[in-house]
Amino acid sequence: MAKIQATSPQLNLYFSDGSHPSPIGSYVAACVFYATLYGKSPVGLSRRIYSSQFYTSQEGDRIELDSLSETDAQTIQRSVWDAVVRASSSCQFSRINEFAGVAVGFQHDSISLHHNHGIGPRG
């Protein structure tokens, strides 16, 4: 995330508390999940960010939290893919469960995020 923040300082990756990820910060994490779990580049994934946490009265509706510009989405996706490729080639992945507490769903052209409050990283 440091590289993304350095190259695109206009992107708010955290809420004002400086600890919890913003929707864009969660998007970065979702791209990392995608690249790590599927072994594929996230370049070309949707730039729209939805939440599955806030359902409307009609089952299955999602709320769009944010939509990145094409440039910002590509910057994030390429930076994530570069980092995942570097980390996997040098065996820097120790535990995927460090991301416990965030469920990520991939459907055709979107990424859905759901924060499981009260669940923290597992040791």
Protein backbone atom coordinates (compact mmCIF):
# COMPACT_ATOMS: atom_id res chain seq x y z
CA MET A 1 0.00 0.00 0.00
CA ALA A 2 2.94 2.31 0.55
CA LYS A 3 3.80 2.29 -3.17
CA ILE A 4 0.20 3.05 -4.09
CA GLN A 5 0.04 5.88 -1.55
CA ALA A 6 3.35 7.28 -2.83
CA THR A 7 2.37 7.21 -6.49
CA SER A 8 -1.27 8.24 -5.95
CA PRO A 9 -1.48 10.40 -2.81
CA GLN A 10 -5.00 11.54 -3.77
CA LEU A 11 -6.31 8.04 -2.94
CA ASN A 12 -7.60 7.74 0.62
CA LEU A 13 -6.64 4.22 1.64
CA TYR A 14 -7.69 4.64 5.29
CA PHE A 15 -10.52 6.21 7.22
CA SER A 16 -9.65 9.24 9.35
CA ASP A 17 -8.62 6.96 12.25
CA GLY A 18 -5.59 5.94 10.16
CA SER A 19 -6.18 2.30 11.03
CA HIS A 20 -9.25 0.99 9.21
CA PRO A 21 -9.26 0.73 5.42
CA SER A 22 -11.50 2.99 3.39
CA PRO A 23 -13.47 1.42 0.53
CA ILE A 24 -10.46 2.13 -1.71
CA GLY A 25 -8.09 0.54 0.83
CA SER A 26 -10.40 -2.48 0.95
CA TYR A 27 -10.32 -2.56 -2.85
CA VAL A 28 -6.52 -2.81 -2.68
CA ALA A 29 -6.86 -5.73 -0.24
CA ALA A 30 -9.44 -7.38 -2.52
CA CYS A 31 -7.03 -7.11 -5.44
CA VAL A 32 -4.34 -8.76 -3.30
CA PHE A 33 -6.76 -11.58 -2.42
CA TYR A 34 -7.67 -12.05 -6.07
CA ALA A 35 -4.07 -12.11 -7.26
CA THR A 36 -2.95 -14.39 -4.44
CA LEU A 37 -5.81 -16.88 -4.48
CA TYR A 38 -6.34 -17.12 -8.23
CA GLY A 39 -2.74 -16.53 -9.33
CA LYS A 40 -4.01 -14.06 -11.92
CA SER A 41 -3.41 -10.39 -12.46
CA PRO A 42 -6.17 -8.12 -11.12
CA VAL A 43 -5.58 -5.77 -14.09
CA GLY A 44 -8.90 -5.37 -15.85
CA LEU A 45 -11.14 -6.09 -12.85
CA SER A 46 -14.03 -3.73 -12.23
CA ARG A 47 -13.21 -0.31 -10.82
CA ARG A 48 -16.53 -0.15 -8.98
CA ILE A 49 -16.54 -0.94 -5.27
CA TYR A 50 -19.68 -2.47 -3.79
CA SER A 51 -20.66 -3.49 -0.29
CA SER A 52 -22.62 -6.64 0.42
CA GLN A 53 -23.03 -5.52 4.02
CA PHE A 54 -25.78 -3.02 3.28
CA TYR A 55 -28.58 -4.89 1.55
CA THR A 56 -31.67 -3.01 0.49
CA SER A 57 -35.16 -4.45 0.83
CA GLN A 58 -34.74 -6.33 -2.45
CA GLU A 59 -32.55 -9.39 -1.84
CA GLY A 60 -29.22 -9.27 -3.56
CA ASP A 61 -29.06 -5.52 -4.14
CA ARG A 62 -25.69 -3.99 -3.38
CA ILE A 63 -24.68 -0.46 -2.64
CA GLU A 64 -21.88 1.08 -4.66
CA LEU A 65 -19.39 2.59 -2.21
CA ASP A 66 -17.02 4.14 -4.72
CA SER A 67 -15.91 4.06 -8.32
CA LEU A 68 -12.28 4.57 -9.19
CA SER A 69 -11.09 6.37 -12.28
CA GLU A 70 -9.66 4.08 -14.94
CA THR A 71 -6.18 5.48 -14.21
CA ASP A 72 -6.45 4.95 -10.43
CA ALA A 73 -7.84 1.42 -10.87
CA GLN A 74 -5.00 0.48 -13.21
CA THR A 75 -2.40 1.99 -10.86
CA ILE A 76 -3.75 -0.08 -7.97
CA GLN A 77 -4.14 -3.26 -10.00
CA ARG A 78 -0.67 -3.08 -11.55
CA SER A 79 1.00 -2.20 -8.23
CA VAL A 80 -0.74 -5.11 -6.51
CA TRP A 81 0.18 -7.57 -9.26
CA ASP A 82 3.84 -6.44 -9.20
CA ALA A 83 3.95 -6.86 -5.40
CA VAL A 84 2.28 -10.29 -5.47
CA VAL A 85 4.61 -11.56 -8.21
CA ARG A 86 7.67 -10.28 -6.32
CA ALA A 87 6.46 -11.74 -3.02
CA SER A 88 5.57 -15.12 -4.49
CA SER A 89 8.90 -15.43 -6.30
CA SER A 90 10.75 -14.75 -3.07
CA CYS A 91 8.42 -16.87 -0.90
CA GLN A 92 7.29 -13.95 1.24
CA PHE A 93 3.75 -15.29 1.72
CA SER A 94 3.63 -16.73 5.21
CA ARG A 95 -0.07 -16.64 6.09
CA ILE A 96 -3.11 -15.77 4.06
CA ASN A 97 -5.29 -15.74 7.20
CA GLU A 98 -3.75 -12.41 8.21
CA PHE A 99 -6.68 -10.90 6.35
CA ALA A 100 -9.31 -12.61 8.53
CA GLY A 101 -12.24 -10.34 9.16
CA VAL A 102 -12.82 -9.31 5.56
CA ALA A 103 -14.80 -11.53 3.22
CA VAL A 104 -14.23 -10.84 -0.44
CA GLY A 105 -16.52 -11.92 -3.25
CA PHE A 106 -15.69 -11.88 -6.96
CA GLN A 107 -18.57 -11.94 -9.44
CA HIS A 108 -18.08 -11.47 -13.17
CA ASP A 109 -17.18 -7.77 -13.18
CA SER A 110 -17.23 -6.68 -9.55
CA ILE A 111 -15.59 -7.12 -6.18
CA SER A 112 -17.81 -7.20 -3.06
CA LEU A 113 -16.42 -6.60 0.41
CA HIS A 114 -17.92 -7.54 3.75
CA HIS A 115 -16.25 -6.65 7.03
CA ASN A 116 -16.89 -9.20 9.77
CA HIS A 117 -16.82 -6.92 12.78
CA GLY A 118 -15.41 -8.39 15.94
CA ILE A 119 -13.14 -10.80 14.13
CA GLY A 120 -9.50 -9.89 14.05
CA PRO A 121 -6.38 -11.41 12.57
CA ARG A 122 -5.64 -14.95 13.61
CA GLY A 123 -2.27 -16.02 14.87
